[in-house]
Amino acid sequence: MLKRLHLELELPEELAEALRKEDLASKAREALVMELLREHRISQGKAAELLGISRTELFPLMTRYEVSVVDLTAEELRSELTKPIPQ
């Protein structure tokens, strides 16, 4: 179930003018989803679902927002790399 929230932002006039032609709601949703992903509050799959994109399309977006695609400690990564590949 979706719930619609309305936000109000105060921006300097020159910034508001520059952004007038952009889809601010879409940009705000994108930024919020990326921050929730960075905070580990949602999964990559959920982030892609919320943005209406595939996980493959999500990775470049994560890079743009500097959200790590692989978020493991060095030890966790070492452990994953030593696991046998399922066949």
N, C-alpha and C. Protein backbone atom coordinates (compact mmCIF):
# COMPACT_ATOMS: atom_id res chain seq x y z
N MET A 1 0.83 -1.18 0.00
CA MET A 1 0.00 0.00 0.00
C MET A 1 0.88 1.25 0.00
N LEU A 2 0.55 2.18 -0.83
CA LEU A 2 1.32 3.43 -0.92
C LEU A 2 0.63 4.53 -0.12
N LYS A 3 1.43 5.39 0.44
CA LYS A 3 0.91 6.55 1.14
C LYS A 3 1.57 7.79 0.55
N ARG A 4 0.78 8.74 0.16
CA ARG A 4 1.30 9.96 -0.46
C ARG A 4 1.62 10.99 0.63
N LEU A 5 2.85 11.50 0.58
CA LEU A 5 3.28 12.55 1.49
C LEU A 5 3.57 13.81 0.69
N HIS A 6 3.27 14.94 1.26
CA HIS A 6 3.56 16.21 0.59
C HIS A 6 4.61 16.95 1.41
N LEU A 7 5.66 17.36 0.73
CA LEU A 7 6.74 18.09 1.38
C LEU A 7 6.80 19.50 0.84
N GLU A 8 7.24 20.40 1.67
CA GLU A 8 7.40 21.79 1.25
C GLU A 8 8.85 22.18 1.47
N LEU A 9 9.47 22.74 0.45
CA LEU A 9 10.86 23.16 0.53
C LEU A 9 10.96 24.67 0.32
N GLU A 10 11.86 25.27 1.05
CA GLU A 10 12.18 26.67 0.82
C GLU A 10 13.53 26.71 0.14
N LEU A 11 13.57 27.31 -1.04
CA LEU A 11 14.81 27.41 -1.82
C LEU A 11 15.07 28.86 -2.17
N PRO A 12 16.33 29.21 -2.31
CA PRO A 12 16.64 30.55 -2.81
C PRO A 12 15.98 30.74 -4.19
N GLU A 13 15.52 31.93 -4.45
CA GLU A 13 14.77 32.20 -5.68
C GLU A 13 15.54 31.80 -6.94
N GLU A 14 16.86 32.08 -6.97
CA GLU A 14 17.62 31.75 -8.18
C GLU A 14 17.71 30.24 -8.40
N LEU A 15 17.76 29.47 -7.30
CA LEU A 15 17.79 28.02 -7.43
C LEU A 15 16.42 27.50 -7.87
N ALA A 16 15.37 28.04 -7.30
CA ALA A 16 14.01 27.65 -7.69
C ALA A 16 13.79 27.93 -9.18
N GLU A 17 14.26 29.06 -9.65
CA GLU A 17 14.12 29.39 -11.08
C GLU A 17 14.89 28.40 -11.95
N ALA A 18 16.09 28.06 -11.53
CA ALA A 18 16.92 27.13 -12.30
C ALA A 18 16.31 25.74 -12.35
N LEU A 19 15.59 25.36 -11.31
CA LEU A 19 15.02 24.02 -11.22
C LEU A 19 13.58 23.92 -11.74
N ARG A 20 13.01 25.02 -12.12
CA ARG A 20 11.60 25.07 -12.48
C ARG A 20 11.21 24.03 -13.53
N LYS A 21 12.08 23.75 -14.49
CA LYS A 21 11.75 22.83 -15.58
C LYS A 21 12.03 21.37 -15.24
N GLU A 22 12.66 21.12 -14.10
CA GLU A 22 12.99 19.76 -13.73
C GLU A 22 11.86 19.13 -12.91
N ASP A 23 11.79 17.83 -12.93
CA ASP A 23 10.81 17.10 -12.14
C ASP A 23 11.36 16.95 -10.72
N LEU A 24 11.06 17.90 -9.87
CA LEU A 24 11.61 17.92 -8.52
C LEU A 24 11.11 16.77 -7.66
N ALA A 25 9.86 16.37 -7.85
CA ALA A 25 9.33 15.25 -7.07
C ALA A 25 10.11 13.98 -7.37
N SER A 26 10.42 13.76 -8.64
CA SER A 26 11.18 12.58 -9.04
C SER A 26 12.60 12.63 -8.47
N LYS A 27 13.22 13.79 -8.54
CA LYS A 27 14.58 13.95 -8.00
C LYS A 27 14.59 13.75 -6.48
N ALA A 28 13.59 14.27 -5.80
CA ALA A 28 13.52 14.12 -4.34
C ALA A 28 13.32 12.66 -3.98
N ARG A 29 12.46 11.95 -4.71
CA ARG A 29 12.23 10.52 -4.45
C ARG A 29 13.53 9.75 -4.65
N GLU A 30 14.22 10.04 -5.76
CA GLU A 30 15.48 9.37 -6.07
C GLU A 30 16.51 9.58 -4.95
N ALA A 31 16.65 10.82 -4.51
CA ALA A 31 17.62 11.15 -3.46
C ALA A 31 17.25 10.46 -2.14
N LEU A 32 15.96 10.45 -1.80
CA LEU A 32 15.52 9.80 -0.57
C LEU A 32 15.78 8.30 -0.61
N VAL A 33 15.44 7.67 -1.72
CA VAL A 33 15.67 6.23 -1.86
C VAL A 33 17.16 5.91 -1.77
N MET A 34 18.00 6.72 -2.40
CA MET A 34 19.44 6.48 -2.32
C MET A 34 19.95 6.63 -0.90
N GLU A 35 19.42 7.59 -0.16
CA GLU A 35 19.86 7.77 1.23
C GLU A 35 19.39 6.60 2.10
N LEU A 36 18.18 6.13 1.89
CA LEU A 36 17.69 4.96 2.65
C LEU A 36 18.54 3.73 2.34
N LEU A 37 18.95 3.60 1.10
CA LEU A 37 19.82 2.49 0.69
C LEU A 37 21.19 2.62 1.36
N ARG A 38 21.74 3.82 1.37
CA ARG A 38 23.05 4.06 2.00
C ARG A 38 22.99 3.72 3.49
N GLU A 39 21.85 4.00 4.13
CA GLU A 39 21.68 3.75 5.56
C GLU A 39 21.28 2.30 5.86
N HIS A 40 21.20 1.47 4.82
CA HIS A 40 20.80 0.05 4.97
C HIS A 40 19.39 -0.10 5.51
N ARG A 41 18.54 0.87 5.22
CA ARG A 41 17.15 0.78 5.67
C ARG A 41 16.27 0.09 4.65
N ILE A 42 16.76 0.00 3.40
CA ILE A 42 16.07 -0.76 2.35
C ILE A 42 17.12 -1.53 1.55
N SER A 43 16.67 -2.56 0.86
CA SER A 43 17.57 -3.37 0.03
C SER A 43 17.70 -2.76 -1.36
N GLN A 44 18.66 -3.25 -2.12
CA GLN A 44 18.82 -2.81 -3.51
C GLN A 44 17.56 -3.15 -4.31
N GLY A 45 17.02 -4.33 -4.07
CA GLY A 45 15.80 -4.73 -4.78
C GLY A 45 14.64 -3.79 -4.48
N LYS A 46 14.49 -3.42 -3.21
CA LYS A 46 13.41 -2.50 -2.82
C LYS A 46 13.65 -1.12 -3.41
N ALA A 47 14.90 -0.68 -3.42
CA ALA A 47 15.23 0.63 -4.00
C ALA A 47 14.85 0.66 -5.48
N ALA A 48 15.21 -0.39 -6.21
CA ALA A 48 14.87 -0.47 -7.63
C ALA A 48 13.36 -0.46 -7.81
N GLU A 49 12.66 -1.22 -6.98
CA GLU A 49 11.20 -1.28 -7.06
C GLU A 49 10.58 0.10 -6.81
N LEU A 50 11.05 0.79 -5.77
CA LEU A 50 10.50 2.11 -5.45
C LEU A 50 10.73 3.13 -6.58
N LEU A 51 11.84 2.98 -7.28
CA LEU A 51 12.17 3.90 -8.38
C LEU A 51 11.62 3.43 -9.72
N GLY A 52 11.05 2.23 -9.75
CA GLY A 52 10.48 1.72 -10.99
C GLY A 52 11.53 1.38 -12.04
N ILE A 53 12.69 0.90 -11.57
CA ILE A 53 13.78 0.55 -12.48
C ILE A 53 14.29 -0.85 -12.13
N SER A 54 15.11 -1.42 -13.01
CA SER A 54 15.71 -2.73 -12.74
C SER A 54 16.93 -2.55 -11.83
N ARG A 55 17.37 -3.64 -11.24
CA ARG A 55 18.59 -3.56 -10.42
C ARG A 55 19.78 -3.19 -11.27
N THR A 56 19.80 -3.63 -12.53
CA THR A 56 20.89 -3.27 -13.44
C THR A 56 20.92 -1.76 -13.64
N GLU A 57 19.76 -1.13 -13.74
CA GLU A 57 19.70 0.32 -13.90
C GLU A 57 20.03 1.04 -12.60
N LEU A 58 19.85 0.34 -11.48
CA LEU A 58 20.10 0.94 -10.17
C LEU A 58 21.59 1.19 -9.93
N PHE A 59 22.46 0.29 -10.41
CA PHE A 59 23.89 0.39 -10.11
C PHE A 59 24.52 1.71 -10.57
N PRO A 60 24.28 2.18 -11.80
CA PRO A 60 24.86 3.48 -12.18
C PRO A 60 24.32 4.63 -11.32
N LEU A 61 23.06 4.52 -10.92
CA LEU A 61 22.47 5.54 -10.05
C LEU A 61 23.15 5.54 -8.68
N MET A 62 23.42 4.35 -8.16
CA MET A 62 24.13 4.24 -6.89
C MET A 62 25.52 4.86 -7.01
N THR A 63 26.17 4.63 -8.12
CA THR A 63 27.49 5.21 -8.35
C THR A 63 27.40 6.74 -8.35
N ARG A 64 26.38 7.27 -9.03
CA ARG A 64 26.21 8.73 -9.10
C ARG A 64 26.00 9.33 -7.71
N TYR A 65 25.28 8.61 -6.85
CA TYR A 65 25.02 9.08 -5.49
C TYR A 65 26.09 8.61 -4.49
N GLU A 66 27.12 7.94 -5.01
CA GLU A 66 28.22 7.43 -4.20
C GLU A 66 27.75 6.48 -3.10
N VAL A 67 26.82 5.59 -3.49
CA VAL A 67 26.35 4.53 -2.61
C VAL A 67 27.06 3.26 -3.06
N SER A 68 27.73 2.61 -2.16
CA SER A 68 28.51 1.43 -2.50
C SER A 68 27.60 0.31 -3.00
N VAL A 69 27.95 -0.27 -4.15
CA VAL A 69 27.20 -1.39 -4.70
C VAL A 69 27.46 -2.65 -3.88
N VAL A 70 28.71 -2.86 -3.49
CA VAL A 70 29.08 -3.97 -2.62
C VAL A 70 29.45 -3.35 -1.28
N ASP A 71 28.65 -3.62 -0.28
CA ASP A 71 28.84 -2.98 1.02
C ASP A 71 29.21 -4.04 2.06
N LEU A 72 30.42 -4.57 1.91
CA LEU A 72 30.92 -5.59 2.83
C LEU A 72 32.22 -5.11 3.46
N THR A 73 32.47 -5.57 4.66
CA THR A 73 33.78 -5.30 5.26
C THR A 73 34.81 -6.16 4.52
N ALA A 74 36.07 -5.88 4.73
CA ALA A 74 37.12 -6.66 4.08
C ALA A 74 37.01 -8.13 4.47
N GLU A 75 36.72 -8.39 5.73
CA GLU A 75 36.58 -9.78 6.19
C GLU A 75 35.37 -10.47 5.56
N GLU A 76 34.25 -9.78 5.48
CA GLU A 76 33.06 -10.36 4.84
C GLU A 76 33.33 -10.66 3.37
N LEU A 77 34.02 -9.75 2.69
CA LEU A 77 34.35 -9.95 1.28
C LEU A 77 35.27 -11.16 1.12
N ARG A 78 36.30 -11.26 1.97
CA ARG A 78 37.22 -12.41 1.93
C ARG A 78 36.45 -13.72 2.12
N SER A 79 35.53 -13.73 3.06
CA SER A 79 34.72 -14.91 3.34
C SER A 79 33.87 -15.28 2.12
N GLU A 80 33.26 -14.29 1.50
CA GLU A 80 32.42 -14.55 0.33
C GLU A 80 33.26 -15.08 -0.83
N LEU A 81 34.45 -14.54 -1.00
CA LEU A 81 35.30 -14.95 -2.12
C LEU A 81 35.88 -16.35 -1.95
N THR A 82 35.92 -16.85 -0.71
CA THR A 82 36.46 -18.20 -0.49
C THR A 82 35.38 -19.28 -0.51
N LYS A 83 34.12 -18.88 -0.59
CA LYS A 83 33.03 -19.85 -0.66
C LYS A 83 33.04 -20.54 -2.02
N PRO A 84 32.73 -21.84 -2.04
CA PRO A 84 32.65 -22.53 -3.34
C PRO A 84 31.46 -22.01 -4.14
N ILE A 85 31.62 -22.01 -5.44
CA ILE A 85 30.54 -21.56 -6.34
C ILE A 85 29.52 -22.69 -6.47
N PRO A 86 28.25 -22.42 -6.18
CA PRO A 86 27.23 -23.48 -6.30
C PRO A 86 27.07 -23.90 -7.76
N GLN A 87 26.89 -25.20 -7.95
CA GLN A 87 26.75 -25.69 -9.33
C GLN A 87 25.44 -26.37 -9.52
